[in-house]
N, C-alpha and C. Protein backbone atom coordinates (compact mmCIF):
# COMPACT_ATOMS: atom_id res chain seq x y z
N UNK A 1 32.75 135.42 79.15
CA UNK A 1 33.87 135.17 78.27
C UNK A 1 34.54 133.85 78.69
N UNK A 2 34.80 133.00 77.72
CA UNK A 2 35.41 131.70 78.03
C UNK A 2 36.91 131.85 78.28
N UNK A 3 37.43 130.90 79.01
CA UNK A 3 38.84 130.92 79.37
C UNK A 3 39.51 129.67 78.80
N UNK A 4 40.72 129.81 78.29
CA UNK A 4 41.45 128.68 77.76
C UNK A 4 41.69 127.63 78.84
N UNK A 5 41.68 126.37 78.43
CA UNK A 5 41.88 125.27 79.36
C UNK A 5 42.97 124.35 78.80
N UNK A 6 43.98 124.05 79.61
CA UNK A 6 45.07 123.16 79.21
C UNK A 6 44.86 121.80 79.88
N UNK A 7 44.52 120.77 79.09
CA UNK A 7 44.30 119.45 79.66
C UNK A 7 45.63 118.72 79.90
N UNK A 8 45.56 117.64 80.66
CA UNK A 8 46.75 116.80 80.80
C UNK A 8 46.84 115.92 79.55
N UNK A 9 48.06 115.62 79.12
CA UNK A 9 48.24 114.79 77.93
C UNK A 9 49.56 114.04 78.03
N UNK A 10 49.62 112.92 77.31
CA UNK A 10 50.84 112.12 77.22
C UNK A 10 51.06 111.72 75.78
N UNK A 11 52.31 111.47 75.46
CA UNK A 11 52.68 111.00 74.13
C UNK A 11 52.35 109.51 74.06
N UNK A 12 51.54 109.09 73.09
CA UNK A 12 51.23 107.67 72.93
C UNK A 12 51.93 107.09 71.71
N UNK A 13 52.83 107.85 71.12
CA UNK A 13 53.57 107.37 69.95
C UNK A 13 55.01 107.05 70.29
N UNK A 14 55.77 106.65 69.28
CA UNK A 14 57.19 106.37 69.50
C UNK A 14 57.92 107.60 70.03
N UNK A 15 58.97 107.38 70.79
CA UNK A 15 59.72 108.48 71.40
C UNK A 15 60.50 109.31 70.37
N UNK A 16 60.79 108.73 69.22
CA UNK A 16 61.63 109.41 68.23
C UNK A 16 60.82 110.07 67.12
N UNK A 17 59.62 110.54 67.43
CA UNK A 17 58.81 111.20 66.42
C UNK A 17 59.48 112.49 65.96
N UNK A 18 59.13 112.93 64.78
CA UNK A 18 59.70 114.14 64.19
C UNK A 18 58.89 115.38 64.55
N UNK A 19 58.34 115.39 65.78
CA UNK A 19 57.47 116.49 66.18
C UNK A 19 57.72 116.83 67.65
N UNK A 20 57.86 118.10 67.96
CA UNK A 20 58.00 118.57 69.34
C UNK A 20 56.76 119.38 69.70
N UNK A 21 56.07 118.99 70.76
CA UNK A 21 54.85 119.67 71.20
C UNK A 21 55.21 120.95 71.94
N UNK A 22 54.53 122.04 71.57
CA UNK A 22 54.68 123.31 72.29
C UNK A 22 53.49 123.53 73.21
N UNK A 23 52.27 123.29 72.71
CA UNK A 23 51.09 123.49 73.55
C UNK A 23 49.93 122.63 73.08
N UNK A 24 49.06 122.30 74.03
CA UNK A 24 47.80 121.60 73.78
C UNK A 24 46.76 122.31 74.64
N UNK A 25 45.79 122.96 73.99
CA UNK A 25 44.80 123.75 74.72
C UNK A 25 43.42 123.62 74.11
N UNK A 26 42.40 123.73 74.95
CA UNK A 26 41.02 123.94 74.50
C UNK A 26 40.74 125.43 74.66
N UNK A 27 39.90 125.99 73.79
CA UNK A 27 39.60 127.42 73.90
C UNK A 27 38.65 127.72 75.06
N UNK A 28 38.04 126.69 75.63
CA UNK A 28 37.19 126.83 76.81
C UNK A 28 37.15 125.49 77.53
N UNK A 29 36.70 125.50 78.77
CA UNK A 29 36.62 124.25 79.52
C UNK A 29 35.59 123.35 78.83
N UNK A 30 35.91 122.08 78.57
CA UNK A 30 34.95 121.18 77.91
C UNK A 30 33.67 121.04 78.74
N UNK A 31 32.52 121.33 78.12
CA UNK A 31 31.22 121.27 78.81
C UNK A 31 30.21 120.59 77.89
N UNK A 32 29.39 119.73 78.48
CA UNK A 32 28.36 119.05 77.70
C UNK A 32 27.40 120.06 77.10
N UNK A 33 27.03 119.85 75.85
CA UNK A 33 26.13 120.76 75.16
C UNK A 33 26.82 121.94 74.51
N UNK A 34 28.14 121.96 74.54
CA UNK A 34 28.90 123.09 73.98
C UNK A 34 30.05 122.59 73.11
N UNK A 35 30.49 123.45 72.22
CA UNK A 35 31.68 123.16 71.41
C UNK A 35 32.90 123.76 72.08
N UNK A 36 34.02 123.09 71.91
CA UNK A 36 35.30 123.63 72.34
C UNK A 36 36.32 123.29 71.27
N UNK A 37 37.24 124.18 71.01
CA UNK A 37 38.25 123.97 69.96
C UNK A 37 39.56 123.54 70.59
N UNK A 38 40.04 122.38 70.16
CA UNK A 38 41.36 121.89 70.57
C UNK A 38 42.39 122.48 69.62
N UNK A 39 43.44 123.08 70.17
CA UNK A 39 44.53 123.60 69.36
C UNK A 39 45.83 122.96 69.84
N UNK A 40 46.52 122.34 68.92
CA UNK A 40 47.81 121.71 69.18
C UNK A 40 48.85 122.47 68.37
N UNK A 41 49.92 122.93 69.02
CA UNK A 41 51.00 123.58 68.29
C UNK A 41 52.31 122.88 68.60
N UNK A 42 53.20 122.94 67.66
CA UNK A 42 54.51 122.34 67.83
C UNK A 42 55.38 122.64 66.64
N UNK A 43 56.48 121.92 66.54
CA UNK A 43 57.39 122.16 65.42
C UNK A 43 57.97 120.83 64.93
N UNK A 44 58.32 120.84 63.67
CA UNK A 44 58.96 119.67 63.05
C UNK A 44 60.37 119.52 63.60
N UNK A 45 60.79 118.29 63.79
CA UNK A 45 62.12 117.97 64.29
C UNK A 45 62.80 117.00 63.33
N UNK A 46 64.07 116.74 63.56
CA UNK A 46 64.83 115.71 62.83
C UNK A 46 64.65 115.80 61.33
N UNK A 47 63.92 114.87 60.74
CA UNK A 47 63.73 114.81 59.28
C UNK A 47 62.57 115.65 58.80
N UNK A 48 61.72 116.14 59.72
CA UNK A 48 60.50 116.82 59.31
C UNK A 48 59.43 115.80 58.96
N UNK A 49 58.33 116.28 58.38
CA UNK A 49 57.23 115.38 58.02
C UNK A 49 56.32 116.05 57.01
N UNK A 50 55.42 115.26 56.45
CA UNK A 50 54.38 115.74 55.54
C UNK A 50 53.04 115.30 56.12
N UNK A 51 52.10 116.22 56.29
CA UNK A 51 50.80 115.85 56.84
C UNK A 51 49.98 115.08 55.81
N UNK A 52 49.19 114.13 56.30
CA UNK A 52 48.37 113.32 55.41
C UNK A 52 46.96 113.12 55.93
N UNK A 53 46.82 112.70 57.21
CA UNK A 53 45.50 112.42 57.76
C UNK A 53 45.52 112.54 59.28
N UNK A 54 44.33 112.49 59.86
CA UNK A 54 44.21 112.48 61.32
C UNK A 54 43.18 111.44 61.73
N UNK A 55 43.31 110.94 62.95
CA UNK A 55 42.35 110.02 63.55
C UNK A 55 42.08 110.48 64.97
N UNK A 56 40.80 110.50 65.37
CA UNK A 56 40.40 110.92 66.71
C UNK A 56 39.48 109.87 67.33
N UNK A 57 39.66 109.63 68.61
CA UNK A 57 38.75 108.75 69.35
C UNK A 57 38.49 109.39 70.71
N UNK A 58 37.21 109.52 71.06
CA UNK A 58 36.81 110.03 72.36
C UNK A 58 36.17 108.88 73.13
N UNK A 59 36.70 108.60 74.33
CA UNK A 59 36.14 107.51 75.14
C UNK A 59 35.81 108.03 76.54
N UNK A 60 34.85 107.35 77.16
CA UNK A 60 34.45 107.61 78.54
C UNK A 60 34.38 106.27 79.24
N UNK A 61 35.21 106.07 80.27
CA UNK A 61 35.28 104.80 81.01
C UNK A 61 35.50 103.62 80.06
N UNK A 62 36.36 103.81 79.07
CA UNK A 62 36.69 102.74 78.14
C UNK A 62 35.69 102.53 77.01
N UNK A 63 34.58 103.22 77.03
CA UNK A 63 33.55 103.10 76.00
C UNK A 63 33.72 104.19 74.95
N UNK A 64 33.75 103.80 73.69
CA UNK A 64 33.88 104.77 72.61
C UNK A 64 32.62 105.63 72.54
N UNK A 65 32.82 106.93 72.52
CA UNK A 65 31.73 107.89 72.43
C UNK A 65 31.68 108.51 71.04
N UNK A 66 32.86 108.67 70.44
CA UNK A 66 32.94 109.39 69.17
C UNK A 66 34.26 109.04 68.49
N UNK A 67 34.22 108.85 67.19
CA UNK A 67 35.44 108.69 66.39
C UNK A 67 35.32 109.56 65.15
N UNK A 68 36.44 110.01 64.66
CA UNK A 68 36.47 110.81 63.43
C UNK A 68 37.84 110.63 62.79
N UNK A 69 37.87 110.77 61.50
CA UNK A 69 39.15 110.78 60.78
C UNK A 69 38.97 111.62 59.54
N UNK A 70 40.06 112.09 59.01
CA UNK A 70 39.98 112.94 57.84
C UNK A 70 41.32 113.12 57.17
N UNK A 71 41.27 113.71 56.02
CA UNK A 71 42.46 113.98 55.23
C UNK A 71 42.89 115.41 55.48
N UNK A 72 44.19 115.60 55.65
CA UNK A 72 44.77 116.94 55.80
C UNK A 72 45.44 117.34 54.50
N UNK A 73 45.54 118.64 54.26
CA UNK A 73 46.32 119.09 53.10
C UNK A 73 47.74 118.56 53.23
N UNK A 74 48.26 117.99 52.17
CA UNK A 74 49.63 117.47 52.22
C UNK A 74 50.60 118.64 52.22
N UNK A 75 51.06 118.98 53.40
CA UNK A 75 51.99 120.08 53.59
C UNK A 75 53.28 119.52 54.14
N UNK A 76 54.39 119.91 53.54
CA UNK A 76 55.69 119.45 54.02
C UNK A 76 56.23 120.42 55.07
N UNK A 77 56.66 119.87 56.21
CA UNK A 77 57.25 120.65 57.29
C UNK A 77 58.70 120.23 57.45
N UNK A 78 59.60 121.19 57.31
CA UNK A 78 61.03 120.93 57.48
C UNK A 78 61.40 121.15 58.95
N UNK A 79 62.52 120.59 59.41
CA UNK A 79 62.91 120.79 60.81
C UNK A 79 62.89 122.27 61.19
N UNK A 80 62.23 122.56 62.32
CA UNK A 80 62.10 123.93 62.80
C UNK A 80 60.81 124.62 62.38
N UNK A 81 60.14 124.09 61.34
CA UNK A 81 58.87 124.69 60.91
C UNK A 81 57.80 124.48 61.96
N UNK A 82 56.95 125.49 62.16
CA UNK A 82 55.85 125.39 63.11
C UNK A 82 54.65 124.68 62.48
N UNK A 83 53.92 123.93 63.31
CA UNK A 83 52.75 123.18 62.89
C UNK A 83 51.61 123.49 63.85
N UNK A 84 50.39 123.61 63.31
CA UNK A 84 49.22 123.88 64.14
C UNK A 84 48.08 123.00 63.66
N UNK A 85 47.43 122.31 64.60
CA UNK A 85 46.27 121.48 64.29
C UNK A 85 45.13 121.95 65.18
N UNK A 86 43.96 122.19 64.56
CA UNK A 86 42.79 122.59 65.32
C UNK A 86 41.62 121.67 65.00
N UNK A 87 40.83 121.39 66.03
CA UNK A 87 39.66 120.53 65.86
C UNK A 87 38.56 121.01 66.80
N UNK A 88 37.36 121.21 66.25
CA UNK A 88 36.22 121.62 67.06
C UNK A 88 35.54 120.37 67.58
N UNK A 89 35.51 120.22 68.89
CA UNK A 89 34.90 119.08 69.54
C UNK A 89 33.53 119.50 70.07
N UNK A 90 32.47 118.86 69.56
CA UNK A 90 31.11 119.14 70.00
C UNK A 90 30.72 118.07 71.01
N UNK A 91 30.55 118.46 72.25
CA UNK A 91 30.17 117.52 73.31
C UNK A 91 28.65 117.56 73.49
N UNK A 92 28.00 116.50 73.11
CA UNK A 92 26.54 116.40 73.15
C UNK A 92 26.02 116.37 74.58
N UNK A 93 24.80 116.84 74.77
CA UNK A 93 24.12 116.71 76.07
C UNK A 93 23.76 115.26 76.37
N UNK A 94 23.80 114.40 75.36
CA UNK A 94 23.36 113.02 75.51
C UNK A 94 24.45 112.08 76.01
N UNK A 95 25.68 112.58 76.13
CA UNK A 95 26.75 111.74 76.67
C UNK A 95 26.87 112.01 78.16
N UNK A 96 27.34 111.03 78.93
CA UNK A 96 27.42 111.24 80.37
C UNK A 96 28.53 112.21 80.77
N UNK A 97 28.33 112.91 81.88
CA UNK A 97 29.41 113.73 82.40
C UNK A 97 30.45 112.80 83.00
N UNK A 98 31.68 113.28 83.10
CA UNK A 98 32.73 112.47 83.69
C UNK A 98 34.07 112.67 83.02
N UNK A 99 34.95 111.71 83.24
CA UNK A 99 36.31 111.77 82.71
C UNK A 99 36.36 111.21 81.29
N UNK A 100 37.05 111.92 80.42
CA UNK A 100 37.16 111.53 79.02
C UNK A 100 38.61 111.41 78.60
N UNK A 101 38.83 110.49 77.67
CA UNK A 101 40.13 110.33 77.04
C UNK A 101 39.94 110.63 75.56
N UNK A 102 40.79 111.49 75.05
CA UNK A 102 40.70 111.94 73.66
C UNK A 102 42.02 111.59 73.01
N UNK A 103 42.01 110.63 72.10
CA UNK A 103 43.24 110.21 71.42
C UNK A 103 43.30 110.88 70.05
N UNK A 104 44.40 111.55 69.79
CA UNK A 104 44.63 112.23 68.52
C UNK A 104 45.88 111.66 67.88
N UNK A 105 45.76 111.26 66.63
CA UNK A 105 46.91 110.78 65.87
C UNK A 105 46.94 111.52 64.53
N UNK A 106 48.10 112.08 64.20
CA UNK A 106 48.31 112.73 62.90
C UNK A 106 49.33 111.88 62.15
N UNK A 107 48.99 111.57 60.89
CA UNK A 107 49.83 110.68 60.09
C UNK A 107 50.31 111.36 58.82
N UNK A 108 51.42 110.86 58.31
CA UNK A 108 51.88 111.24 56.98
C UNK A 108 51.05 110.43 55.97
N UNK A 109 51.12 110.77 54.69
CA UNK A 109 50.44 109.94 53.69
C UNK A 109 50.92 108.49 53.81
N UNK A 110 50.02 107.54 53.49
CA UNK A 110 50.32 106.11 53.66
C UNK A 110 51.56 105.64 52.92
N UNK A 111 51.93 106.33 51.87
CA UNK A 111 53.09 105.91 51.08
C UNK A 111 54.42 106.25 51.73
N UNK A 112 54.38 107.04 52.82
CA UNK A 112 55.60 107.45 53.49
C UNK A 112 56.02 106.39 54.51
N UNK A 113 57.33 106.13 54.63
CA UNK A 113 57.78 105.25 55.72
C UNK A 113 57.58 105.97 57.06
N UNK A 114 57.42 105.21 58.13
CA UNK A 114 57.22 105.80 59.46
C UNK A 114 56.12 106.85 59.40
N UNK A 115 54.90 106.40 59.03
CA UNK A 115 53.90 107.41 58.69
C UNK A 115 53.28 108.15 59.87
N UNK A 116 53.48 107.71 61.12
CA UNK A 116 52.92 108.43 62.26
C UNK A 116 53.73 109.69 62.58
N UNK A 117 53.05 110.84 62.58
CA UNK A 117 53.71 112.10 62.92
C UNK A 117 53.64 112.32 64.43
N UNK A 118 52.45 112.15 65.00
CA UNK A 118 52.29 112.32 66.44
C UNK A 118 51.09 111.55 66.94
N UNK A 119 51.11 111.22 68.21
CA UNK A 119 49.99 110.56 68.88
C UNK A 119 49.93 111.12 70.29
N UNK A 120 48.75 111.63 70.67
CA UNK A 120 48.56 112.17 72.01
C UNK A 120 47.33 111.56 72.67
N UNK A 121 47.45 111.23 73.94
CA UNK A 121 46.32 110.88 74.77
C UNK A 121 46.04 112.09 75.63
N UNK A 122 44.86 112.68 75.45
CA UNK A 122 44.47 113.91 76.15
C UNK A 122 43.35 113.55 77.12
N UNK A 123 43.46 113.97 78.36
CA UNK A 123 42.44 113.66 79.36
C UNK A 123 41.80 114.94 79.87
N UNK A 124 40.45 114.87 80.03
CA UNK A 124 39.72 116.01 80.58
C UNK A 124 38.43 115.52 81.22
N UNK A 125 37.82 116.37 82.00
CA UNK A 125 36.54 116.09 82.62
C UNK A 125 35.50 117.04 82.04
N UNK A 126 34.33 116.51 81.70
CA UNK A 126 33.26 117.35 81.13
C UNK A 126 31.99 117.17 81.96
N UNK A 127 31.31 118.29 82.22
CA UNK A 127 30.05 118.28 82.97
C UNK A 127 28.99 118.99 82.18
């Protein structure tokens, strides 16, 4: 049975974002050749936000290993509303073991002012 793993992470966005992080967890320890699900939970703050898109970058020793982006359902979150983002990360056997940096950015639709909702730099080691 797999055990949840909480990686270290830092905010890479502006300090006045409309989002408060509650938790950042993988459903299992990141391992090469296996999938692990990243779950981010938090709540809307200040003005709230509307989800629009996400951007992900996985790097190892400064080298890009994987990038992804996508559109999210445009959902409006008012202050105090809970937000949950999940992403299944498939770590190939073909990438080297070692320390990884996983950057996650969630944005509002492009037409919104201050479109960045959150930005996290997540660090973990995979073998």
